[in-house]
Amino acid sequence: MGLLVTLIIGGIVGWLASIVMKTNAQMGIIANIVVGIVGAFLGSWIFGLLGIATAGAAGQWVMSVVGAIVLIALLRALGVFK
């Protein structure tokens, strides 16, 4: 059950980040899930380096979306997304 929840939340986070970065048309559901999950780890790492603590579920959602946005920006710089 935990895997299913992770995939669903990862998909939502990736989808939200792709809307913000205007790559929604280029990304499918698998890319959204991967970007969401990896972005959540990246956001957690970045927030930890900056000493920013998240409060509650809303803070974790924001952290995850910010991480996914950073990941999409990195992928765009590498030429994966245009």
Protein backbone atom coordinates (compact mmCIF):
# COMPACT_ATOMS: atom_id res chain seq x y z
CA MET A 1 0.00 0.00 0.00
CA GLY A 2 2.89 2.38 0.74
CA LEU A 3 4.25 1.98 -2.79
CA LEU A 4 0.90 2.88 -4.31
CA VAL A 5 0.62 6.02 -2.15
CA THR A 6 4.19 6.99 -3.08
CA LEU A 7 3.40 6.65 -6.79
CA ILE A 8 0.20 8.68 -6.51
CA ILE A 9 1.77 11.48 -4.48
CA GLY A 10 4.85 11.48 -6.74
CA GLY A 11 2.59 11.81 -9.77
CA ILE A 12 0.72 14.73 -8.26
CA VAL A 13 3.91 16.51 -7.20
CA GLY A 14 5.49 15.97 -10.62
CA TRP A 15 2.33 17.17 -12.35
CA LEU A 16 2.18 20.35 -10.25
CA ALA A 17 5.86 21.08 -10.92
CA SER A 18 5.41 20.47 -14.65
CA ILE A 19 2.54 22.97 -14.72
CA VAL A 20 4.68 25.59 -12.97
CA MET A 21 7.61 24.95 -15.34
CA LYS A 22 5.33 24.74 -18.41
CA THR A 23 6.56 21.26 -19.39
CA ASN A 24 3.21 19.60 -18.80
CA ALA A 25 2.65 18.84 -22.50
CA GLN A 26 6.07 17.15 -22.77
CA MET A 27 5.73 14.91 -19.73
CA GLY A 28 3.63 11.79 -19.41
CA ILE A 29 2.43 10.13 -16.25
CA ILE A 30 5.61 8.08 -15.80
CA ALA A 31 7.80 11.19 -16.11
CA ASN A 32 5.56 13.02 -13.64
CA ILE A 33 5.89 10.19 -11.12
CA VAL A 34 9.67 9.95 -11.49
CA VAL A 35 10.15 13.73 -11.31
CA GLY A 36 7.83 13.93 -8.30
CA ILE A 37 9.58 11.20 -6.32
CA VAL A 38 13.13 12.30 -7.17
CA GLY A 39 12.11 15.94 -6.68
CA ALA A 40 10.82 15.17 -3.19
CA PHE A 41 14.19 13.71 -2.21
CA LEU A 42 15.99 16.64 -3.85
CA GLY A 43 13.75 19.15 -2.06
CA SER A 44 14.35 17.45 1.27
CA TRP A 45 18.10 17.57 0.69
CA ILE A 46 18.06 21.24 -0.41
CA PHE A 47 15.85 22.34 2.48
CA GLY A 48 18.12 20.44 4.88
CA LEU A 49 21.22 22.19 3.51
CA LEU A 50 19.52 25.56 3.89
CA GLY A 51 18.33 24.74 7.41
CA ILE A 52 14.67 25.17 6.50
CA ALA A 53 12.30 22.99 8.50
CA THR A 54 8.89 22.05 7.10
CA ALA A 55 5.88 22.13 9.36
CA GLY A 56 3.19 19.57 8.70
CA ALA A 57 1.94 18.02 5.50
CA ALA A 58 1.53 21.34 3.68
CA GLY A 59 5.18 22.19 4.24
CA GLN A 60 6.26 18.80 2.95
CA TRP A 61 4.11 19.23 -0.17
CA VAL A 62 5.70 22.63 -0.83
CA MET A 63 9.17 21.19 -0.26
CA SER A 64 8.47 18.34 -2.67
CA VAL A 65 7.10 20.61 -5.39
CA VAL A 66 10.07 22.98 -5.02
CA GLY A 67 12.45 20.02 -5.36
CA ALA A 68 10.61 18.80 -8.46
CA ILE A 69 10.76 22.32 -9.96
CA VAL A 70 14.53 22.39 -9.36
CA LEU A 71 14.84 18.96 -10.98
CA ILE A 72 12.88 20.05 -14.05
CA ALA A 73 15.06 23.18 -14.30
CA LEU A 74 18.18 20.97 -14.19
CA LEU A 75 16.73 18.63 -16.81
CA ARG A 76 15.82 21.61 -18.98
CA ALA A 77 19.41 22.91 -18.70
CA LEU A 78 20.65 19.50 -19.83
CA GLY A 79 18.30 19.61 -22.83
CA VAL A 80 15.88 16.89 -21.74
CA PHE A 81 12.94 19.35 -21.76
CA LYS A 82 12.64 22.45 -23.91
